[in-house]
């Protein structure tokens, strides 16, 4: 089995769906960082093909955090705004 398939299979598993629902219910559906509507359950210790079968990481409620999409994207460094810097003459500085 290819490595991405192992993670895909985990995220489709009944065990993950139950763990995800427990976390969502425990947090009343709110992002644990900002209080917005939580949409994504995040693994604090990142889930990999090497640890996906370790339930202390993959399913442990203490390793899970309900986040809104914005907080989850920030956690993973997605969609960062890049600052473009210019000097007083309008020349790009990096």
PDB file of N, CA and C in Angstrom:
ATOM      1  N   UNK A   1       0.848  -1.177   0.000  1.00  0.00           N
ATOM      2  CA  UNK A   1       0.000   0.000   0.000  1.00  0.00           C
ATOM      3  C   UNK A   1       0.894   1.240   0.000  1.00  0.00           C
ATOM      4  N   UNK A   2       0.537   2.230  -0.833  1.00  0.00           N
ATOM      5  CA  UNK A   2       1.340   3.441  -0.880  1.00  0.00           C
ATOM      6  C   UNK A   2       1.112   4.263   0.382  1.00  0.00           C
ATOM      7  N   UNK A   3       2.073   5.087   0.708  1.00  0.00           N
ATOM      8  CA  UNK A   3       2.012   5.843   1.955  1.00  0.00           C
ATOM      9  C   UNK A   3       0.833   6.808   2.006  1.00  0.00           C
ATOM     10  N   UNK A   4       0.550   7.599   0.966  1.00  0.00           N
ATOM     11  CA  UNK A   4      -0.613   8.482   1.061  1.00  0.00           C
ATOM     12  C   UNK A   4      -1.922   7.709   1.253  1.00  0.00           C
ATOM     13  N   UNK A   5      -2.002   6.514   0.730  1.00  0.00           N
ATOM     14  CA  UNK A   5      -3.216   5.715   0.890  1.00  0.00           C
ATOM     15  C   UNK A   5      -3.434   5.332   2.351  1.00  0.00           C
ATOM     16  N   UNK A   6      -2.363   5.128   3.091  1.00  0.00           N
ATOM     17  CA  UNK A   6      -2.499   4.795   4.510  1.00  0.00           C
ATOM     18  C   UNK A   6      -3.173   5.937   5.276  1.00  0.00           C
ATOM     19  N   UNK A   7      -2.754   7.157   4.993  1.00  0.00           N
ATOM     20  CA  UNK A   7      -3.355   8.309   5.661  1.00  0.00           C
ATOM     21  C   UNK A   7      -4.790   8.512   5.181  1.00  0.00           C
ATOM     22  N   UNK A   8      -5.021   8.363   3.888  1.00  0.00           N
ATOM     23  CA  UNK A   8      -6.370   8.502   3.346  1.00  0.00           C
ATOM     24  C   UNK A   8      -7.310   7.479   3.983  1.00  0.00           C
ATOM     25  N   UNK A   9      -6.841   6.256   4.105  1.00  0.00           N
ATOM     26  CA  UNK A   9      -7.656   5.204   4.724  1.00  0.00           C
ATOM     27  C   UNK A   9      -7.974   5.546   6.175  1.00  0.00           C
ATOM     28  N   UNK A  10      -6.987   6.077   6.907  1.00  0.00           N
ATOM     29  CA  UNK A  10      -7.216   6.454   8.302  1.00  0.00           C
ATOM     30  C   UNK A  10      -8.324   7.505   8.399  1.00  0.00           C
ATOM     31  N   UNK A  11      -8.233   8.546   7.565  1.00  0.00           N
ATOM     32  CA  UNK A  11      -9.207   9.633   7.644  1.00  0.00           C
ATOM     33  C   UNK A  11     -10.603   9.215   7.194  1.00  0.00           C
ATOM     34  N   UNK A  12     -10.736   8.079   6.577  1.00  0.00           N
ATOM     35  CA  UNK A  12     -12.047   7.534   6.206  1.00  0.00           C
ATOM     36  C   UNK A  12     -12.534   6.492   7.213  1.00  0.00           C
ATOM     37  N   UNK A  13     -11.722   6.175   8.213  1.00  0.00           N
ATOM     38  CA  UNK A  13     -12.045   5.100   9.153  1.00  0.00           C
ATOM     39  C   UNK A  13     -13.113   5.517  10.156  1.00  0.00           C
ATOM     40  N   UNK A  14     -13.830   4.528  10.649  1.00  0.00           N
ATOM     41  CA  UNK A  14     -14.852   4.772  11.677  1.00  0.00           C
ATOM     42  C   UNK A  14     -14.197   5.305  12.950  1.00  0.00           C
ATOM     43  N   UNK A  15     -13.026   4.792  13.299  1.00  0.00           N
ATOM     44  CA  UNK A  15     -12.332   5.240  14.513  1.00  0.00           C
ATOM     45  C   UNK A  15     -12.030   6.741  14.450  1.00  0.00           C
ATOM     46  N   UNK A  16     -11.580   7.225  13.285  1.00  0.00           N
ATOM     47  CA  UNK A  16     -11.293   8.652  13.142  1.00  0.00           C
ATOM     48  C   UNK A  16     -12.581   9.465  13.218  1.00  0.00           C
ATOM     49  N   UNK A  17     -13.627   9.013  12.561  1.00  0.00           N
ATOM     50  CA  UNK A  17     -14.890   9.746  12.588  1.00  0.00           C
ATOM     51  C   UNK A  17     -15.436   9.855  14.007  1.00  0.00           C
ATOM     52  N   UNK A  18     -15.291   8.797  14.794  1.00  0.00           N
ATOM     53  CA  UNK A  18     -15.730   8.829  16.192  1.00  0.00           C
ATOM     54  C   UNK A  18     -14.860   9.809  16.987  1.00  0.00           C
ATOM     55  N   UNK A  19     -13.537   9.730  16.835  1.00  0.00           N
ATOM     56  CA  UNK A  19     -12.628  10.626  17.563  1.00  0.00           C
ATOM     57  C   UNK A  19     -12.894  12.081  17.199  1.00  0.00           C
ATOM     58  N   UNK A  20     -13.127  12.326  15.928  1.00  0.00           N
ATOM     59  CA  UNK A  20     -13.413  13.674  15.432  1.00  0.00           C
ATOM     60  C   UNK A  20     -14.719  14.199  16.047  1.00  0.00           C
ATOM     61  N   UNK A  21     -15.737  13.365  16.091  1.00  0.00           N
ATOM     62  CA  UNK A  21     -17.014  13.771  16.674  1.00  0.00           C
ATOM     63  C   UNK A  21     -16.901  14.034  18.171  1.00  0.00           C
ATOM     64  N   UNK A  22     -16.127  13.216  18.869  1.00  0.00           N
ATOM     65  CA  UNK A  22     -15.915  13.422  20.309  1.00  0.00           C
ATOM     66  C   UNK A  22     -15.277  14.791  20.538  1.00  0.00           C
ATOM     67  N   UNK A  23     -14.239  15.119  19.758  1.00  0.00           N
ATOM     68  CA  UNK A  23     -13.555  16.418  19.912  1.00  0.00           C
ATOM     69  C   UNK A  23     -14.507  17.563  19.588  1.00  0.00           C
ATOM     70  N   UNK A  24     -15.277  17.436  18.522  1.00  0.00           N
ATOM     71  CA  UNK A  24     -16.214  18.491  18.133  1.00  0.00           C
ATOM     72  C   UNK A  24     -17.262  18.716  19.214  1.00  0.00           C
ATOM     73  N   UNK A  25     -17.782  17.641  19.760  1.00  0.00           N
ATOM     74  CA  UNK A  25     -18.788  17.763  20.818  1.00  0.00           C
ATOM     75  C   UNK A  25     -18.187  18.333  22.106  1.00  0.00           C
ATOM     76  N   UNK A  26     -16.984  17.913  22.440  1.00  0.00           N
ATOM     77  CA  UNK A  26     -16.335  18.369  23.672  1.00  0.00           C
ATOM     78  C   UNK A  26     -16.049  19.862  23.643  1.00  0.00           C
ATOM     79  N   UNK A  27     -15.839  20.408  22.461  1.00  0.00           N
ATOM     80  CA  UNK A  27     -15.525  21.834  22.321  1.00  0.00           C
ATOM     81  C   UNK A  27     -16.748  22.647  21.903  1.00  0.00           C
ATOM     82  N   UNK A  28     -17.896  21.987  21.901  1.00  0.00           N
ATOM     83  CA  UNK A  28     -19.153  22.614  21.488  1.00  0.00           C
ATOM     84  C   UNK A  28     -19.059  23.230  20.096  1.00  0.00           C
ATOM     85  N   UNK A  29     -18.212  22.621  19.260  1.00  0.00           N
ATOM     86  CA  UNK A  29     -18.089  23.046  17.870  1.00  0.00           C
ATOM     87  C   UNK A  29     -17.351  24.343  17.652  1.00  0.00           C
ATOM     88  N   UNK A  30     -16.631  24.804  18.678  1.00  0.00           N
ATOM     89  CA  UNK A  30     -15.923  26.081  18.564  1.00  0.00           C
ATOM     90  C   UNK A  30     -14.423  25.879  18.429  1.00  0.00           C
ATOM     91  N   UNK A  31     -13.816  26.725  17.624  1.00  0.00           N
ATOM     92  CA  UNK A  31     -12.362  26.716  17.462  1.00  0.00           C
ATOM     93  C   UNK A  31     -11.726  26.931  18.822  1.00  0.00           C
ATOM     94  N   UNK A  32     -10.770  26.089  19.148  1.00  0.00           N
ATOM     95  CA  UNK A  32     -10.128  26.164  20.462  1.00  0.00           C
ATOM     96  C   UNK A  32      -9.140  27.320  20.570  1.00  0.00           C
ATOM     97  N   UNK A  33      -8.889  28.008  19.476  1.00  0.00           N
ATOM     98  CA  UNK A  33      -7.971  29.144  19.522  1.00  0.00           C
ATOM     99  C   UNK A  33      -8.688  30.489  19.495  1.00  0.00           C
ATOM    100  N   UNK A  34      -9.699  30.610  18.633  1.00  0.00           N
ATOM    101  CA  UNK A  34     -10.328  31.933  18.483  1.00  0.00           C
ATOM    102  C   UNK A  34     -11.823  31.948  18.796  1.00  0.00           C
ATOM    103  N   UNK A  35     -12.438  30.778  18.975  1.00  0.00           N
ATOM    104  CA  UNK A  35     -13.848  30.720  19.315  1.00  0.00           C
ATOM    105  C   UNK A  35     -14.801  30.731  18.132  1.00  0.00           C
ATOM    106  N   UNK A  36     -14.276  30.832  16.914  1.00  0.00           N
ATOM    107  CA  UNK A  36     -15.127  30.778  15.718  1.00  0.00           C
ATOM    108  C   UNK A  36     -15.663  29.355  15.557  1.00  0.00           C
ATOM    109  N   UNK A  37     -16.453  29.141  14.532  1.00  0.00           N
ATOM    110  CA  UNK A  37     -16.984  27.807  14.275  1.00  0.00           C
ATOM    111  C   UNK A  37     -15.830  26.886  13.874  1.00  0.00           C
ATOM    112  N   UNK A  38     -15.662  25.795  14.624  1.00  0.00           N
ATOM    113  CA  UNK A  38     -14.602  24.833  14.330  1.00  0.00           C
ATOM    114  C   UNK A  38     -14.980  23.960  13.154  1.00  0.00           C
ATOM    115  N   UNK A  39     -14.047  23.773  12.246  1.00  0.00           N
ATOM    116  CA  UNK A  39     -14.322  22.993  11.048  1.00  0.00           C
ATOM    117  C   UNK A  39     -13.366  21.822  10.858  1.00  0.00           C
ATOM    118  N   UNK A  40     -12.179  21.925  11.411  1.00  0.00           N
ATOM    119  CA  UNK A  40     -11.153  20.921  11.138  1.00  0.00           C
ATOM    120  C   UNK A  40     -10.498  20.466  12.436  1.00  0.00           C
ATOM    121  N   UNK A  41     -10.400  19.161  12.608  1.00  0.00           N
ATOM    122  CA  UNK A  41      -9.722  18.614  13.781  1.00  0.00           C
ATOM    123  C   UNK A  41      -8.256  18.426  13.410  1.00  0.00           C
ATOM    124  N   UNK A  42      -7.412  19.116  14.145  1.00  0.00           N
ATOM    125  CA  UNK A  42      -5.974  19.180  13.887  1.00  0.00           C
ATOM    126  C   UNK A  42      -5.228  18.241  14.840  1.00  0.00           C
ATOM    127  N   UNK A  43      -4.229  17.544  14.314  1.00  0.00           N
ATOM    128  CA  UNK A  43      -3.330  16.742  15.150  1.00  0.00           C
ATOM    129  C   UNK A  43      -2.189  17.644  15.609  1.00  0.00           C
ATOM    130  N   UNK A  44      -2.044  17.843  16.904  1.00  0.00           N
ATOM    131  CA  UNK A  44      -0.961  18.668  17.442  1.00  0.00           C
ATOM    132  C   UNK A  44       0.389  18.078  17.069  1.00  0.00           C
ATOM    133  N   UNK A  45       0.530  16.756  17.269  1.00  0.00           N
ATOM    134  CA  UNK A  45       1.696  16.050  16.736  1.00  0.00           C
ATOM    135  C   UNK A  45       1.257  15.581  15.362  1.00  0.00           C
ATOM    136  N   UNK A  46       1.874  16.110  14.331  1.00  0.00           N
ATOM    137  CA  UNK A  46       1.442  15.865  12.959  1.00  0.00           C
ATOM    138  C   UNK A  46       1.357  14.376  12.646  1.00  0.00           C
ATOM    139  N   UNK A  47       0.271  13.999  12.012  1.00  0.00           N
ATOM    140  CA  UNK A  47       0.046  12.611  11.633  1.00  0.00           C
ATOM    141  C   UNK A  47       0.874  12.281  10.395  1.00  0.00           C
ATOM    142  N   UNK A  48       1.600  11.187  10.471  1.00  0.00           N
ATOM    143  CA  UNK A  48       2.430  10.733   9.349  1.00  0.00           C
ATOM    144  C   UNK A  48       2.181   9.249   9.115  1.00  0.00           C
ATOM    145  N   UNK A  49       2.731   8.743   8.027  1.00  0.00           N
ATOM    146  CA  UNK A  49       2.597   7.310   7.762  1.00  0.00           C
ATOM    147  C   UNK A  49       3.333   6.496   8.812  1.00  0.00           C
ATOM    148  N   UNK A  50       4.304   7.104   9.465  1.00  0.00           N
ATOM    149  CA  UNK A  50       5.064   6.385  10.485  1.00  0.00           C
ATOM    150  C   UNK A  50       4.323   6.291  11.821  1.00  0.00           C
ATOM    151  N   UNK A  51       3.382   7.229  12.084  1.00  0.00           N
ATOM    152  CA  UNK A  51       2.699   7.193  13.383  1.00  0.00           C
ATOM    153  C   UNK A  51       1.185   7.023  13.271  1.00  0.00           C
ATOM    154  N   UNK A  52       0.670   6.844  12.075  1.00  0.00           N
ATOM    155  CA  UNK A  52      -0.781   6.762  11.881  1.00  0.00           C
ATOM    156  C   UNK A  52      -1.405   5.606  12.659  1.00  0.00           C
ATOM    157  N   UNK A  53      -0.666   4.551  12.884  1.00  0.00           N
ATOM    158  CA  UNK A  53      -1.199   3.401  13.619  1.00  0.00           C
ATOM    159  C   UNK A  53      -0.967   3.479  15.123  1.00  0.00           C
ATOM    160  N   UNK A  54      -0.334   4.549  15.576  1.00  0.00           N
ATOM    161  CA  UNK A  54      -0.122   4.777  17.006  1.00  0.00           C
ATOM    162  C   UNK A  54      -1.318   5.579  17.532  1.00  0.00           C
ATOM    163  N   UNK A  55      -2.226   4.910  18.212  1.00  0.00           N
ATOM    164  CA  UNK A  55      -3.458   5.578  18.660  1.00  0.00           C
ATOM    165  C   UNK A  55      -3.196   6.686  19.677  1.00  0.00           C
ATOM    166  N   UNK A  56      -2.021   6.664  20.331  1.00  0.00           N
ATOM    167  CA  UNK A  56      -1.679   7.759  21.238  1.00  0.00           C
ATOM    168  C   UNK A  56      -1.471   9.059  20.475  1.00  0.00           C
ATOM    169  N   UNK A  57      -1.225   8.954  19.191  1.00  0.00           N
ATOM    170  CA  UNK A  57      -1.064  10.140  18.350  1.00  0.00           C
ATOM    171  C   UNK A  57      -2.287  10.345  17.463  1.00  0.00           C
ATOM    172  N   UNK A  58      -2.734   9.290  16.806  1.00  0.00           N
ATOM    173  CA  UNK A  58      -3.790   9.437  15.802  1.00  0.00           C
ATOM    174  C   UNK A  58      -5.180   9.665  16.377  1.00  0.00           C
ATOM    175  N   UNK A  59      -5.483   9.073  17.526  1.00  0.00           N
ATOM    176  CA  UNK A  59      -6.841   9.143  18.068  1.00  0.00           C
ATOM    177  C   UNK A  59      -6.948   9.760  19.461  1.00  0.00           C
ATOM    178  N   UNK A  60      -5.837  10.020  20.098  1.00  0.00           N
ATOM    179  CA  UNK A  60      -5.816  10.553  21.455  1.00  0.00           C
ATOM    180  C   UNK A  60      -6.408  11.964  21.487  1.00  0.00           C
ATOM    181  N   UNK A  61      -7.448  12.159  22.276  1.00  0.00           N
ATOM    182  CA  UNK A  61      -8.108  13.461  22.356  1.00  0.00           C
ATOM    183  C   UNK A  61      -7.160  14.576  22.785  1.00  0.00           C
ATOM    184  N   UNK A  62      -6.157  14.247  23.575  1.00  0.00           N
ATOM    185  CA  UNK A  62      -5.192  15.264  24.009  1.00  0.00           C
ATOM    186  C   UNK A  62      -4.299  15.730  22.863  1.00  0.00           C
ATOM    187  N   UNK A  63      -4.227  14.957  21.786  1.00  0.00           N
ATOM    188  CA  UNK A  63      -3.432  15.345  20.620  1.00  0.00           C
ATOM    189  C   UNK A  63      -4.293  15.994  19.541  1.00  0.00           C
ATOM    190  N   UNK A  64      -5.576  16.145  19.808  1.00  0.00           N
ATOM    191  CA  UNK A  64      -6.482  16.720  18.822  1.00  0.00           C
ATOM    192  C   UNK A  64      -6.935  18.103  19.265  1.00  0.00           C
ATOM    193  N   UNK A  65      -7.167  18.960  18.284  1.00  0.00           N
ATOM    194  CA  UNK A  65      -7.586  20.326  18.563  1.00  0.00           C
ATOM    195  C   UNK A  65      -8.569  20.739  17.458  1.00  0.00           C
ATOM    196  N   UNK A  66      -9.742  21.194  17.840  1.00  0.00           N
ATOM    197  CA  UNK A  66     -10.712  21.668  16.857  1.00  0.00           C
ATOM    198  C   UNK A  66     -10.367  23.104  16.494  1.00  0.00           C
ATOM    199  N   UNK A  67     -10.187  23.332  15.201  1.00  0.00           N
ATOM    200  CA  UNK A  67      -9.809  24.661  14.716  1.00  0.00           C
ATOM    201  C   UNK A  67     -10.750  25.119  13.613  1.00  0.00           C
ATOM    202  N   UNK A  68     -10.909  26.420  13.496  1.00  0.00           N
ATOM    203  CA  UNK A  68     -11.609  26.967  12.341  1.00  0.00           C
ATOM    204  C   UNK A  68     -10.635  26.873  11.162  1.00  0.00           C
ATOM    205  N   UNK A  69     -11.144  27.095   9.984  1.00  0.00           N
ATOM    206  CA  UNK A  69     -10.289  26.968   8.793  1.00  0.00           C
ATOM    207  C   UNK A  69      -9.126  27.957   8.845  1.00  0.00           C
ATOM    208  N   UNK A  70      -9.383  29.205   9.268  1.00  0.00           N
ATOM    209  CA  UNK A  70      -8.312  30.205   9.315  1.00  0.00           C
ATOM    210  C   UNK A  70      -7.200  29.805  10.273  1.00  0.00           C
ATOM    211  N   UNK A  71      -7.562  29.371  11.479  1.00  0.00           N
ATOM    212  CA  UNK A  71      -6.544  28.965  12.456  1.00  0.00           C
ATOM    213  C   UNK A  71      -5.785  27.734  11.979  1.00  0.00           C
ATOM    214  N   UNK A  72      -6.479  26.807  11.316  1.00  0.00           N
ATOM    215  CA  UNK A  72      -5.810  25.615  10.811  1.00  0.00           C
ATOM    216  C   UNK A  72      -4.832  25.989   9.702  1.00  0.00           C
ATOM    217  N   UNK A  73      -5.232  26.885   8.823  1.00  0.00           N
ATOM    218  CA  UNK A  73      -4.327  27.332   7.762  1.00  0.00           C
ATOM    219  C   UNK A  73      -3.120  28.052   8.346  1.00  0.00           C
ATOM    220  N   UNK A  74      -3.332  28.878   9.370  1.00  0.00           N
ATOM    221  CA  UNK A  74      -2.210  29.564  10.024  1.00  0.00           C
ATOM    222  C   UNK A  74      -1.262  28.553  10.652  1.00  0.00           C
ATOM    223  N   UNK A  75      -1.822  27.533  11.305  1.00  0.00           N
ATOM    224  CA  UNK A  75      -1.003  26.504  11.960  1.00  0.00           C
ATOM    225  C   UNK A  75      -0.067  25.827  10.959  1.00  0.00           C
ATOM    226  N   UNK A  76      -0.561  25.609   9.744  1.00  0.00           N
ATOM    227  CA  UNK A  76       0.233  24.917   8.726  1.00  0.00           C
ATOM    228  C   UNK A  76       0.950  25.877   7.779  1.00  0.00           C
ATOM    229  N   UNK A  77       0.846  27.179   8.039  1.00  0.00           N
ATOM    230  CA  UNK A  77       1.542  28.159   7.216  1.00  0.00           C
ATOM    231  C   UNK A  77       0.994  28.266   5.804  1.00  0.00           C
ATOM    232  N   UNK A  78      -0.280  27.988   5.635  1.00  0.00           N
ATOM    233  CA  UNK A  78      -0.900  28.065   4.308  1.00  0.00           C
ATOM    234  C   UNK A  78      -1.389  29.483   4.042  1.00  0.00           C
ATOM    235  N   UNK A  79      -1.295  29.881   2.806  1.00  0.00           N
ATOM    236  CA  UNK A  79      -1.874  31.142   2.329  1.00  0.00           C
ATOM    237  C   UNK A  79      -1.335  32.359   3.065  1.00  0.00           C
ATOM    238  N   UNK A  80      -0.059  32.319   3.411  1.00  0.00           N
ATOM    239  CA  UNK A  80       0.540  33.476   4.083  1.00  0.00           C
ATOM    240  C   UNK A  80       0.565  34.657   3.125  1.00  0.00           C
ATOM    241  N   UNK A  81       0.235  35.817   3.668  1.00  0.00           N
ATOM    242  CA  UNK A  81       0.363  37.029   2.881  1.00  0.00           C
ATOM    243  C   UNK A  81       1.836  37.391   2.856  1.00  0.00           C
ATOM    244  N   UNK A  82       2.330  37.634   1.674  1.00  0.00           N
ATOM    245  CA  UNK A  82       3.720  38.035   1.565  1.00  0.00           C
ATOM    246  C   UNK A  82       3.780  39.552   1.514  1.00  0.00           C
ATOM    247  N   UNK A  83       4.617  40.094   2.374  1.00  0.00           N
ATOM    248  CA  UNK A  83       4.796  41.533   2.369  1.00  0.00           C
ATOM    249  C   UNK A  83       5.781  41.893   1.291  1.00  0.00           C
ATOM    250  N   UNK A  84       5.422  42.864   0.503  1.00  0.00           N
ATOM    251  CA  UNK A  84       6.330  43.380  -0.506  1.00  0.00           C
ATOM    252  C   UNK A  84       6.818  44.715   0.011  1.00  0.00           C
ATOM    253  N   UNK A  85       8.110  44.839   0.101  1.00  0.00           N
ATOM    254  CA  UNK A  85       8.688  46.045   0.678  1.00  0.00           C
ATOM    255  C   UNK A  85       9.286  46.938  -0.398  1.00  0.00           C
ATOM    256  N   UNK A  86       8.997  48.196  -0.274  1.00  0.00           N
ATOM    257  CA  UNK A  86       9.532  49.187  -1.200  1.00  0.00           C
ATOM    258  C   UNK A  86      10.185  50.296  -0.400  1.00  0.00           C
ATOM    259  N   UNK A  87      11.188  50.905  -1.000  1.00  0.00           N
ATOM    260  CA  UNK A  87      11.800  52.058  -0.330  1.00  0.00           C
ATOM    261  C   UNK A  87      10.980  53.302  -0.642  1.00  0.00           C
ATOM    262  N   UNK A  88      11.403  54.449  -0.143  1.00  0.00           N
ATOM    263  CA  UNK A  88      10.635  55.687  -0.319  1.00  0.00           C
ATOM    264  C   UNK A  88      10.548  56.131  -1.773  1.00  0.00           C
ATOM    265  N   UNK A  89      11.388  55.527  -2.627  1.00  0.00           N
ATOM    266  CA  UNK A  89      11.379  55.859  -4.061  1.00  0.00           C
ATOM    267  C   UNK A  89      10.560  54.861  -4.873  1.00  0.00           C
ATOM    268  N   UNK A  90       9.977  53.880  -4.180  1.00  0.00           N
ATOM    269  CA  UNK A  90       9.171  52.885  -4.875  1.00  0.00           C
ATOM    270  C   UNK A  90       9.966  51.721  -5.423  1.00  0.00           C
ATOM    271  N   UNK A  91      11.237  51.615  -5.039  1.00  0.00           N
ATOM    272  CA  UNK A  91      12.072  50.507  -5.496  1.00  0.00           C
ATOM    273  C   UNK A  91      11.868  49.307  -4.596  1.00  0.00           C
ATOM    274  N   UNK A  92      11.733  48.149  -5.214  1.00  0.00           N
ATOM    275  CA  UNK A  92      11.551  46.906  -4.471  1.00  0.00           C
ATOM    276  C   UNK A  92      12.784  46.607  -3.642  1.00  0.00           C
ATOM    277  N   UNK A  93      12.573  46.277  -2.350  1.00  0.00           N
ATOM    278  CA  UNK A  93      13.696  45.992  -1.446  1.00  0.00           C
ATOM    279  C   UNK A  93      13.740  44.558  -0.971  1.00  0.00           C
ATOM    280  N   UNK A  94      12.835  43.757  -1.373  1.00  0.00           N
ATOM    281  CA  UNK A  94      12.892  42.355  -0.984  1.00  0.00           C
ATOM    282  C   UNK A  94      11.785  41.982  -0.153  1.00  0.00           C
TER     283      UNK A  94
END
